[in-house]
């Protein structure tokens, strides 16, 4: 591709993605939904203004790495370490039940396969996509209802943090199994070694960044070195341990999430992500989604995918909350609060496409899941909380001006 063609491609993608993202926000939908739709509109399925290329794929890969790095930076590590046994078990059930449900659904539609085969891993991967929770929509809904700092809101937030970590670990195992020359023991060993080194190396890196942060507080070299650290750990994870590069990026974010300038790093990183790499990543998903080949079988699969993804989260998280003594209504709130999907589900689906586990036509199901879960979750939570007074702490003006 000529340089001037690259410039034209960038201009079209960024302009249309931002415009559609703005429209989505005006309609009270997540901005990423608009950016995905932008990719559909300008891609081969509709107007054909932009075609897929290695350049777009490479830029999108950088975008997803920065996205996961930001997710790690936004992790409350103290809360993650103090949430307790209840949130851990809710998160585990919120991963296990959708994983099983997605695998069974894919097996019913695409065919059952022997354990360990390529087709079996493909079926399992649809379950992996369902494991992720995007809690941003739920947070805004709970904040609007004045219930973010209540017991249920805290439980949902804590479980969602652990849920994302578990989802990344599951993704790492499944991606590792993609190589037919590996065995489960080797995969377990690689993952244990990586995370052990991540703990030791992460602690040393944390101490180094704390020292740099004190010496160069709010200096731009801190975000620059942080990005270098993110890319380096992503490379090490993928190249030396066979672990998804996004796992390394996520771990890098968690390592740095507790330093004083973590929020400053996140803001600086988000500038690049928001302006260029983020729109390219989400639009590239729309570009890869083939709606021209939509048939009744794919439509039924997409509908089943959405229903199973929502119901399994409610069942897994809700029943676990009930087992800890919550009322049926409060347990349902936990389940509903955990059923939203967003960027992480897209990241996982993209990784499956990159390694050849799923076909691009199935992105339709993932996009439909994100749209449906983002729309109905606030509505259902509002119904469940109807008639209940808001938490006093949430009535302060500062909490409402978000």
Protein backbone atom coordinates (compact mmCIF):
# COMPACT_ATOMS: atom_id res chain seq x y z
CA UNK A 1 0.00 0.00 0.00
CA UNK A 2 1.33 3.44 -0.98
CA UNK A 3 1.88 6.01 1.78
CA UNK A 4 -0.82 8.35 0.49
CA UNK A 5 -3.29 5.45 0.49
CA UNK A 6 -2.45 4.83 4.14
CA UNK A 7 -3.17 8.47 4.93
CA UNK A 8 -6.53 8.28 3.19
CA UNK A 9 -7.39 5.09 5.07
CA UNK A 10 -6.50 6.66 8.42
CA UNK A 11 -8.53 9.78 7.68
CA UNK A 12 -11.65 7.80 6.74
CA UNK A 13 -11.46 5.37 9.67
CA UNK A 14 -10.79 7.97 12.38
CA UNK A 15 -13.36 10.48 11.08
CA UNK A 16 -16.20 8.00 10.62
CA UNK A 17 -15.38 6.10 13.83
CA UNK A 18 -15.45 9.27 15.92
CA UNK A 19 -18.66 10.49 14.28
CA UNK A 20 -20.44 7.17 14.83
CA UNK A 21 -19.06 7.01 18.36
CA UNK A 22 -20.54 10.44 19.07
CA UNK A 23 -23.92 9.34 17.71
CA UNK A 24 -23.79 6.25 19.93
CA UNK A 25 -23.09 8.38 23.02
CA UNK A 26 -26.01 10.66 22.14
CA UNK A 27 -28.18 7.54 22.05
CA UNK A 28 -26.80 6.52 25.49
CA UNK A 29 -24.98 3.52 24.03
CA UNK A 30 -21.26 2.74 24.54
CA UNK A 31 -19.01 4.67 22.17
CA UNK A 32 -17.32 1.46 21.04
CA UNK A 33 -20.64 0.29 19.56
CA UNK A 34 -20.63 3.30 17.24
CA UNK A 35 -17.01 2.71 16.27
CA UNK A 36 -17.71 -0.92 15.42
CA UNK A 37 -20.68 0.11 13.31
CA UNK A 38 -18.41 2.63 11.58
CA UNK A 39 -16.15 -0.22 10.54
CA UNK A 40 -19.15 -2.08 9.16
CA UNK A 41 -20.28 0.95 7.16
CA UNK A 42 -16.93 1.79 5.56
CA UNK A 43 -15.90 -1.85 5.09
CA UNK A 44 -16.53 -4.28 2.23
CA UNK A 45 -19.89 -5.35 3.67
CA UNK A 46 -21.55 -1.95 3.00
CA UNK A 47 -19.86 0.98 1.21
CA UNK A 48 -16.42 -0.52 0.57
CA UNK A 49 -14.47 2.67 1.32
CA UNK A 50 -11.73 0.82 3.23
CA UNK A 51 -10.26 -2.64 2.78
CA UNK A 52 -8.42 -4.78 5.28
CA UNK A 53 -4.62 -4.58 5.18
CA UNK A 54 -1.59 -5.64 7.19
CA UNK A 55 -1.13 -2.01 8.18
CA UNK A 56 -4.60 -1.78 9.75
CA UNK A 57 -4.11 -5.13 11.48
CA UNK A 58 -0.78 -4.03 12.97
CA UNK A 59 -2.20 -0.70 14.14
CA UNK A 60 -5.21 -2.49 15.62
CA UNK A 61 -2.87 -4.84 17.51
CA UNK A 62 -1.13 -1.85 19.08
CA UNK A 63 -4.57 -0.50 19.94
CA UNK A 64 -5.64 -3.64 21.76
CA UNK A 65 -2.35 -3.77 23.70
CA UNK A 66 -2.81 -0.17 24.84
CA UNK A 67 -6.42 -0.94 25.71
CA UNK A 68 -5.46 -3.82 27.98
CA UNK A 69 -2.63 -1.78 29.48
CA UNK A 70 -5.16 0.92 30.38
CA UNK A 71 -7.46 -1.72 31.86
CA UNK A 72 -4.62 -2.90 34.08
CA UNK A 73 -3.78 0.68 35.10
CA UNK A 74 -7.41 1.18 36.11
CA UNK A 75 -7.35 -1.82 38.47
CA UNK A 76 -7.70 -1.05 42.17
CA UNK A 77 -5.06 -3.45 43.46
CA UNK A 78 -5.88 -2.91 47.11
CA UNK A 79 -9.52 -3.64 46.46
CA UNK A 80 -8.53 -6.64 44.36
CA UNK A 81 -6.51 -8.05 47.29
CA UNK A 82 -9.12 -7.26 49.93
CA UNK A 83 -12.38 -8.28 48.27
CA UNK A 84 -12.59 -11.55 50.12
CA UNK A 85 -13.75 -15.06 49.40
CA UNK A 86 -17.28 -14.12 48.32
CA UNK A 87 -16.28 -11.93 45.38
CA UNK A 88 -13.68 -14.51 44.29
CA UNK A 89 -16.24 -17.32 44.16
CA UNK A 90 -18.82 -15.14 42.40
CA UNK A 91 -16.19 -14.28 39.78
CA UNK A 92 -15.20 -17.94 39.38
CA UNK A 93 -18.83 -18.96 38.82
CA UNK A 94 -19.22 -16.00 36.47
CA UNK A 95 -16.40 -17.43 34.36
CA UNK A 96 -17.09 -21.17 34.64
CA UNK A 97 -20.82 -21.23 33.82
CA UNK A 98 -20.58 -19.02 30.68
CA UNK A 99 -17.51 -21.01 29.58
CA UNK A 100 -19.51 -24.23 29.74
CA UNK A 101 -22.63 -22.63 28.24
CA UNK A 102 -20.75 -21.14 25.30
CA UNK A 103 -18.96 -24.41 24.59
CA UNK A 104 -22.24 -26.36 24.60
CA UNK A 105 -23.97 -23.76 22.40
CA UNK A 106 -21.17 -23.82 19.81
CA UNK A 107 -21.11 -27.61 19.88
CA UNK A 108 -24.86 -27.77 19.22
CA UNK A 109 -24.65 -25.38 16.25
CA UNK A 110 -21.24 -26.22 14.82
CA UNK A 111 -20.94 -29.87 15.80
CA UNK A 112 -19.54 -31.81 18.73
CA UNK A 113 -15.87 -32.71 18.47
CA UNK A 114 -13.32 -34.87 20.33
CA UNK A 115 -11.60 -33.21 23.26
CA UNK A 116 -8.33 -31.59 22.19
CA UNK A 117 -9.22 -31.33 18.52
CA UNK A 118 -9.19 -28.08 16.56
CA UNK A 119 -12.98 -28.09 16.40
CA UNK A 120 -13.26 -28.62 20.16
CA UNK A 121 -10.97 -25.65 20.85
CA UNK A 122 -13.11 -23.57 18.50
CA UNK A 123 -16.22 -24.48 20.49
CA UNK A 124 -14.47 -23.74 23.78
CA UNK A 125 -13.35 -20.36 22.48
CA UNK A 126 -16.94 -19.19 22.12
CA UNK A 127 -17.28 -19.91 25.82
CA UNK A 128 -14.09 -17.95 26.50
CA UNK A 129 -15.60 -14.92 24.75
CA UNK A 130 -18.58 -15.12 27.13
CA UNK A 131 -16.43 -15.10 30.29
CA UNK A 132 -15.45 -11.41 30.19
CA UNK A 133 -17.45 -8.79 32.09
CA UNK A 134 -17.50 -5.11 31.15
CA UNK A 135 -18.64 -3.35 34.27
CA UNK A 136 -18.50 0.26 32.99
CA UNK A 137 -22.18 0.35 31.97
CA UNK A 138 -23.20 -1.21 35.30
CA UNK A 139 -21.10 1.31 37.24
CA UNK A 140 -22.84 4.23 35.54
CA UNK A 141 -26.26 2.67 36.11
CA UNK A 142 -25.56 2.05 39.81
CA UNK A 143 -24.19 5.56 40.19
CA UNK A 144 -27.34 7.04 38.64
CA UNK A 145 -29.45 4.95 41.01
CA UNK A 146 -27.37 5.99 44.03
CA UNK A 147 -26.32 2.42 44.78
CA UNK A 148 -22.69 2.26 43.65
CA UNK A 149 -21.26 2.23 47.18
CA UNK A 150 -23.82 -0.17 48.59
CA UNK A 151 -23.10 -3.80 49.44
CA UNK A 152 -24.38 -5.09 46.09
CA UNK A 153 -22.52 -2.42 44.12
CA UNK A 154 -19.26 -3.17 45.92
CA UNK A 155 -19.76 -6.90 45.38
CA UNK A 156 -20.32 -6.41 41.65
CA UNK A 157 -17.28 -4.15 41.28
CA UNK A 158 -14.99 -6.51 43.20
CA UNK A 159 -16.18 -9.61 41.37
CA UNK A 160 -15.85 -7.87 37.99
CA UNK A 161 -12.20 -7.02 38.66
CA UNK A 162 -11.39 -10.65 39.49
CA UNK A 163 -13.58 -11.80 36.59
CA UNK A 164 -11.40 -9.95 34.08
CA UNK A 165 -8.21 -11.43 35.54
CA UNK A 166 -9.65 -14.97 35.39
CA UNK A 167 -10.89 -14.38 31.85
CA UNK A 168 -7.41 -13.38 30.70
CA UNK A 169 -5.94 -16.49 32.33
CA UNK A 170 -8.51 -18.72 30.59
CA UNK A 171 -7.74 -17.02 27.28
CA UNK A 172 -4.04 -17.64 27.83
CA UNK A 173 -4.59 -21.37 28.35
CA UNK A 174 -6.85 -21.79 25.32
CA UNK A 175 -4.50 -19.83 23.05
CA UNK A 176 -1.59 -21.98 24.26
CA UNK A 177 -3.55 -25.16 23.48
CA UNK A 178 -3.88 -23.97 19.87
CA UNK A 179 -0.39 -25.33 19.17
CA UNK A 180 -0.76 -29.10 18.56
CA UNK A 181 2.84 -29.73 19.64
CA UNK A 182 2.24 -28.55 23.20
CA UNK A 183 0.79 -30.52 26.09
CA UNK A 184 -1.25 -29.43 29.08
CA UNK A 185 1.59 -29.95 31.52
CA UNK A 186 3.90 -27.73 29.50
CA UNK A 187 1.20 -25.06 29.23
CA UNK A 188 0.58 -25.09 32.98
CA UNK A 189 4.31 -24.88 33.62
CA UNK A 190 4.75 -21.98 31.19
CA UNK A 191 1.88 -20.06 32.76
CA UNK A 192 3.10 -20.69 36.30
CA UNK A 193 6.63 -19.59 35.39
CA UNK A 194 5.38 -16.48 33.60
CA UNK A 195 3.14 -15.32 36.43
CA UNK A 196 5.81 -16.17 39.02
CA UNK A 197 8.36 -14.09 37.13
CA UNK A 198 5.69 -11.42 36.65
CA UNK A 199 5.27 -11.21 40.43
CA UNK A 200 9.01 -10.98 41.12
CA UNK A 201 9.88 -8.85 38.12
CA UNK A 202 6.74 -6.80 38.58
CA UNK A 203 7.67 -5.97 42.17
CA UNK A 204 11.18 -4.88 41.13
CA UNK A 205 9.73 -2.86 38.25
CA UNK A 206 7.21 -1.30 40.61
CA UNK A 207 9.99 -0.20 42.97
CA UNK A 208 11.93 1.25 40.03
CA UNK A 209 8.92 3.22 38.81
CA UNK A 210 8.19 4.44 42.34
CA UNK A 211 11.73 5.84 42.47
CA UNK A 212 11.38 7.40 39.02
CA UNK A 213 7.98 8.77 39.95
CA UNK A 214 9.37 10.57 42.98
CA UNK A 215 12.28 11.93 40.97
CA UNK A 216 10.25 12.97 37.90
CA UNK A 217 6.71 13.42 39.23
CA UNK A 218 4.21 14.34 36.49
CA UNK A 219 6.99 14.34 33.92
CA UNK A 220 6.25 12.99 30.47
CA UNK A 221 9.16 10.55 30.60
CA UNK A 222 7.14 8.47 33.11
CA UNK A 223 4.34 7.67 30.60
CA UNK A 224 6.95 7.09 27.89
CA UNK A 225 8.85 4.56 30.02
CA UNK A 226 5.53 2.99 31.03
CA UNK A 227 4.60 2.40 27.39
CA UNK A 228 8.04 0.85 26.80
CA UNK A 229 7.45 -1.41 29.80
CA UNK A 230 4.03 -2.40 28.41
CA UNK A 231 5.38 -3.28 24.96
CA UNK A 232 8.38 -5.14 26.42
CA UNK A 233 6.25 -7.29 28.71
CA UNK A 234 3.81 -7.98 25.85
CA UNK A 235 6.71 -9.17 23.70
CA UNK A 236 8.19 -11.33 26.48
CA UNK A 237 4.84 -12.96 27.20
CA UNK A 238 4.20 -13.83 23.55
CA UNK A 239 7.71 -14.68 22.39
CA UNK A 240 9.21 -16.54 25.33
CA UNK A 241 6.16 -18.06 27.05
CA UNK A 242 3.61 -18.44 24.24
CA UNK A 243 1.16 -16.36 26.26
CA UNK A 244 -1.07 -13.79 24.55
CA UNK A 245 0.63 -10.40 24.25
CA UNK A 246 -2.46 -8.72 25.72
CA UNK A 247 -1.85 -10.71 28.92
CA UNK A 248 1.58 -9.13 29.21
CA UNK A 249 0.08 -5.69 28.60
CA UNK A 250 -2.58 -6.27 31.27
CA UNK A 251 0.03 -7.43 33.78
CA UNK A 252 2.15 -4.36 33.00
CA UNK A 253 -0.84 -2.16 33.81
CA UNK A 254 -1.46 -3.96 37.11
CA UNK A 255 2.22 -3.57 38.07
CA UNK A 256 1.97 0.20 37.63
CA UNK A 257 -1.59 0.74 38.88
CA UNK A 258 -0.48 1.58 42.43
CA UNK A 259 2.25 4.13 41.76
CA UNK A 260 1.47 7.78 42.48
CA UNK A 261 1.31 8.82 38.83
CA UNK A 262 -0.81 5.87 37.65
CA UNK A 263 -3.74 8.13 36.78
CA UNK A 264 -1.39 10.52 34.97
CA UNK A 265 0.03 7.61 32.95
CA UNK A 266 -3.49 6.43 32.13
CA UNK A 267 -4.51 9.89 30.90
CA UNK A 268 -1.44 10.20 28.69
CA UNK A 269 -1.89 6.68 27.31
CA UNK A 270 -5.57 7.26 26.64
CA UNK A 271 -4.74 10.25 24.42
CA UNK A 272 -3.06 7.99 21.87
CA UNK A 273 -5.63 5.26 22.35
CA UNK A 274 -8.62 7.59 22.09
CA UNK A 275 -7.40 9.58 19.09
CA UNK A 276 -5.84 6.90 16.88
CA UNK A 277 -5.34 3.34 18.06
CA UNK A 278 -8.68 2.80 19.81
CA UNK A 279 -10.85 3.85 16.84
CA UNK A 280 -8.63 1.79 14.52
CA UNK A 281 -9.03 -1.31 16.68
CA UNK A 282 -12.80 -1.12 17.06
CA UNK A 283 -13.35 -0.08 13.45
CA UNK A 284 -11.14 -2.98 12.31
CA UNK A 285 -13.56 -5.36 14.02
CA UNK A 286 -16.37 -3.89 11.95
CA UNK A 287 -14.21 -4.22 8.84
CA UNK A 288 -13.69 -7.93 9.54
CA UNK A 289 -17.35 -8.64 10.28
CA UNK A 290 -19.03 -10.18 7.27
CA UNK A 291 -22.74 -9.39 7.27
CA UNK A 292 -23.13 -10.10 3.57
CA UNK A 293 -23.02 -13.82 4.30
CA UNK A 294 -25.70 -13.61 7.01
CA UNK A 295 -28.11 -16.53 6.78
CA UNK A 296 -30.74 -18.01 9.04
CA UNK A 297 -28.26 -20.39 10.69
CA UNK A 298 -25.92 -17.52 11.62
CA UNK A 299 -28.87 -15.42 12.79
CA UNK A 300 -30.08 -18.21 15.06
CA UNK A 301 -26.56 -18.79 16.38
CA UNK A 302 -26.16 -15.07 17.14
CA UNK A 303 -29.48 -14.96 18.98
CA UNK A 304 -28.58 -18.08 20.95
CA UNK A 305 -25.12 -16.66 21.70
CA UNK A 306 -26.65 -13.51 23.21
CA UNK A 307 -29.23 -15.39 25.28
CA UNK A 308 -26.75 -17.96 26.62
CA UNK A 309 -24.15 -15.29 27.42
CA UNK A 310 -26.64 -13.23 29.44
CA UNK A 311 -28.40 -16.10 31.19
CA UNK A 312 -25.23 -17.95 32.21
CA UNK A 313 -23.81 -14.83 33.88
CA UNK A 314 -27.04 -14.33 35.81
CA UNK A 315 -27.17 -18.00 36.84
CA UNK A 316 -23.48 -18.33 37.73
CA UNK A 317 -23.06 -15.06 39.65
CA UNK A 318 -26.62 -14.89 40.99
CA UNK A 319 -26.73 -18.40 42.46
CA UNK A 320 -23.31 -17.95 44.01
CA UNK A 321 -24.47 -14.70 45.63
CA UNK A 322 -27.54 -16.52 46.90
CA UNK A 323 -25.33 -19.20 48.44
CA UNK A 324 -23.70 -16.45 50.53
CA UNK A 325 -27.03 -15.47 52.05
CA UNK A 326 -28.27 -12.71 49.77
CA UNK A 327 -31.97 -12.52 48.99
CA UNK A 328 -33.20 -13.71 45.61
CA UNK A 329 -33.70 -10.10 44.51
CA UNK A 330 -30.22 -9.00 45.56
CA UNK A 331 -28.72 -12.12 43.98
CA UNK A 332 -30.48 -11.22 40.74
CA UNK A 333 -28.98 -7.73 40.95
CA UNK A 334 -25.50 -9.24 41.18
CA UNK A 335 -26.15 -11.51 38.20
CA UNK A 336 -27.61 -8.72 36.06
CA UNK A 337 -24.80 -6.35 37.03
CA UNK A 338 -22.22 -8.88 35.82
CA UNK A 339 -23.80 -9.65 32.44
CA UNK A 340 -22.58 -6.63 30.45
CA UNK A 341 -19.92 -7.24 27.80
CA UNK A 342 -17.64 -4.73 26.10
CA UNK A 343 -14.04 -4.18 25.10
CA UNK A 344 -12.59 -7.32 26.71
CA UNK A 345 -15.04 -9.56 24.82
CA UNK A 346 -13.96 -7.85 21.60
CA UNK A 347 -10.30 -8.30 22.48
CA UNK A 348 -10.80 -12.01 23.12
CA UNK A 349 -12.78 -12.46 19.90
CA UNK A 350 -10.10 -10.60 17.96
CA UNK A 351 -7.43 -12.89 19.39
CA UNK A 352 -9.46 -15.91 18.29
CA UNK A 353 -9.65 -14.52 14.78
CA UNK A 354 -5.91 -13.80 14.70
CA UNK A 355 -4.98 -17.39 15.58
CA UNK A 356 -7.62 -18.92 13.32
CA UNK A 357 -9.95 -20.35 15.97
CA UNK A 358 -13.06 -18.50 14.84
CA UNK A 359 -14.33 -17.07 11.57
CA UNK A 360 -14.95 -13.34 11.05
CA UNK A 361 -18.64 -13.93 10.36
CA UNK A 362 -19.15 -14.77 14.04
CA UNK A 363 -18.17 -11.25 15.08
CA UNK A 364 -21.83 -10.45 14.38
CA UNK A 365 -22.80 -12.47 17.46
CA UNK A 366 -20.22 -10.70 19.66
CA UNK A 367 -21.28 -7.24 18.50
CA UNK A 368 -24.94 -8.10 19.05
CA UNK A 369 -24.12 -9.29 22.57
CA UNK A 370 -22.36 -6.02 23.43
CA UNK A 371 -25.22 -3.90 22.11
CA UNK A 372 -27.99 -5.92 23.80
CA UNK A 373 -26.22 -6.26 27.17
CA UNK A 374 -25.30 -2.55 27.22
CA UNK A 375 -28.90 -1.52 26.58
CA UNK A 376 -30.86 -3.88 28.82
CA UNK A 377 -28.58 -3.97 31.90
CA UNK A 378 -29.35 -0.39 33.09
CA UNK A 379 -33.04 -0.94 32.40
CA UNK A 380 -33.25 -4.17 34.41
CA UNK A 381 -31.21 -2.75 37.29
CA UNK A 382 -33.52 0.26 37.47
CA UNK A 383 -36.52 -2.08 37.71
CA UNK A 384 -34.85 -4.20 40.41
CA UNK A 385 -33.97 -1.14 42.51
CA UNK A 386 -37.36 0.50 42.08
CA UNK A 387 -38.77 1.70 45.41
CA UNK A 388 -35.46 1.37 47.27
CA UNK A 389 -33.86 4.54 48.70
CA UNK A 390 -30.40 5.46 47.40
CA UNK A 391 -27.31 5.18 49.56
CA UNK A 392 -26.65 8.40 51.44
CA UNK A 393 -23.02 8.51 50.32
CA UNK A 394 -24.10 8.49 46.71
CA UNK A 395 -26.33 11.55 47.03
CA UNK A 396 -23.41 13.98 47.31
CA UNK A 397 -23.12 16.37 44.36
CA UNK A 398 -19.55 15.28 43.65
CA UNK A 399 -20.69 11.72 43.11
CA UNK A 400 -23.34 12.84 40.65
CA UNK A 401 -21.09 14.97 38.49
CA UNK A 402 -19.37 12.17 36.64
